[in-house]
Protein backbone atom coordinates (compact mmCIF):
# COMPACT_ATOMS: atom_id res chain seq x y z
CA MET A 1 -82.22 -106.97 102.54
CA TYR A 2 -81.57 -103.85 104.65
CA PHE A 3 -82.41 -101.79 101.66
CA ASP A 4 -85.85 -103.43 101.24
CA VAL A 5 -86.57 -102.91 104.93
CA ILE A 6 -85.94 -99.17 104.88
CA PHE A 7 -87.43 -98.39 101.52
CA GLY A 8 -90.14 -100.95 101.42
CA SER A 9 -91.82 -99.63 104.44
CA THR A 10 -95.35 -98.41 104.56
CA VAL A 11 -94.29 -94.83 105.02
CA LEU A 12 -91.40 -94.41 102.66
CA LYS A 13 -92.88 -96.15 99.67
CA PRO A 14 -95.80 -93.72 99.25
CA LEU A 15 -93.54 -90.89 100.15
CA PHE A 16 -91.24 -91.83 97.27
CA TRP A 17 -94.12 -91.80 94.83
CA MET A 18 -95.42 -88.60 96.05
CA ILE A 19 -91.97 -86.97 95.52
CA MET A 20 -91.79 -88.50 92.13
CA GLY A 21 -95.07 -87.01 91.15
CA GLY A 22 -94.05 -83.69 92.40
CA LEU A 23 -90.97 -83.79 90.45
CA LEU A 24 -92.95 -84.70 87.28
CA ILE A 25 -95.19 -81.62 87.87
CA LEU A 26 -92.07 -79.43 88.26
CA PHE A 27 -90.69 -80.94 84.98
CA PHE A 28 -93.77 -80.22 82.96
CA SER A 29 -94.23 -76.80 84.50
CA GLY A 30 -90.57 -75.99 83.49
CA LEU A 31 -91.05 -77.54 80.12
CA ARG A 32 -94.17 -75.22 79.50
CA LEU A 33 -91.95 -72.24 80.48
CA TRP A 34 -89.08 -73.38 78.34
CA PHE A 35 -91.48 -73.86 75.21
CA SER A 36 -92.73 -70.32 75.87
CA ASP A 37 -89.17 -68.91 76.07
CA GLN A 38 -88.35 -70.57 72.83
CA GLY A 39 -91.37 -69.11 71.21
CA ILE A 40 -93.03 -72.44 70.62
CA ALA A 41 -96.84 -72.20 70.64
CA MET A 42 -98.11 -75.36 72.32
CA ARG A 43 -101.68 -76.33 71.50
CA TRP A 44 -103.50 -79.27 72.94
CA TRP A 45 -102.61 -81.61 70.23
CA LYS A 46 -99.00 -80.78 70.45
CA TRP A 47 -99.04 -81.51 74.21
CA ALA A 48 -100.82 -84.92 73.32
CA LEU A 49 -98.11 -85.86 70.74
CA PHE A 50 -95.32 -84.83 73.27
CA ALA A 51 -97.08 -86.93 76.09
CA ALA A 52 -97.32 -89.89 73.77
CA TRP A 53 -93.63 -89.65 72.81
CA PHE A 54 -92.63 -89.19 76.60
CA MET A 55 -94.62 -92.17 77.52
CA GLY A 56 -92.90 -94.23 74.78
CA VAL A 57 -89.53 -93.13 76.15
CA TYR A 58 -90.68 -94.20 79.72
CA VAL A 59 -91.97 -97.60 78.57
CA THR A 60 -88.75 -98.21 76.61
CA ILE A 61 -86.49 -97.39 79.48
CA ALA A 62 -88.54 -99.17 82.06
CA GLY A 63 -89.12 -102.35 79.90
CA GLY A 64 -85.49 -102.56 78.82
CA PHE A 65 -84.28 -102.19 82.46
CA THR A 66 -86.85 -104.74 83.68
CA LEU A 67 -85.43 -107.22 81.26
CA VAL A 68 -81.90 -106.49 82.36
CA GLY A 69 -82.99 -106.92 86.03
CA GLU A 70 -84.43 -110.44 85.26
CA ASN A 71 -81.14 -111.48 83.77
CA GLU A 72 -82.23 -110.94 80.23
CA ALA A 73 -79.50 -108.43 79.56
CA ARG A 74 -79.10 -109.12 75.81
CA ALA A 75 -83.03 -108.82 75.28
CA GLY A 76 -83.12 -105.59 77.32
CA LEU A 77 -80.35 -104.08 75.45
CA TYR A 78 -82.03 -104.89 72.08
CA PHE A 79 -85.34 -103.78 73.29
CA MET A 80 -83.88 -100.35 74.28
CA GLY A 81 -81.71 -100.24 71.23
CA VAL A 82 -84.48 -100.95 68.61
CA PHE A 83 -87.18 -98.81 70.33
CA GLY A 84 -84.72 -96.19 71.43
CA THR A 85 -83.54 -95.52 67.84
CA LEU A 86 -87.27 -95.48 66.79
CA LEU A 87 -88.09 -92.94 69.49
CA ILE A 88 -84.96 -90.80 68.55
CA ILE A 89 -86.22 -90.68 64.85
CA LEU A 90 -89.86 -89.87 66.12
CA GLY A 91 -88.54 -87.24 68.51
CA ALA A 92 -86.67 -85.49 65.63
CA GLY A 93 -89.90 -85.45 63.62
CA LEU A 94 -91.81 -84.25 66.74
CA TRP A 95 -89.29 -81.42 67.30
CA ARG A 96 -89.92 -80.28 63.64
CA ILE A 97 -93.57 -80.40 64.17
CA LEU A 98 -93.26 -78.37 67.36
CA ASN A 99 -90.92 -75.76 65.89
CA THR A 100 -93.30 -74.96 62.91
CA LYS A 101 -94.96 -71.61 63.31
C-alpha cells in the first residue's frame, strides 16, 4: 500500500515514464553507435526488422510476467518459453541478416 501511495502519485508516475523514454532513446543511440563500430551498415529496412524483433521481445516479457502476476505462473512460463525460444531463433537469423555486407 505504501508503495502505491508513493509511486502511484500524479507526479512520480509521469516522471517514471519520462525517464523510461529517455533511457530508451539512450539505448537506441548507443545501439546505432555500436552498429557503426561493428561495421554494420544499417538501412531503414534493417532498423524496421530490428524494431519488430525488439517489440516481440518486449511483448513476450510483458505478457509472460503479466500472466505470472495474475497467478497464472505456469501459463506465463510456457508463454515466455515458447515465444522466447522462437524469438531467439529469429534473433539469430536477424543477426545473420544484419551482418551481411
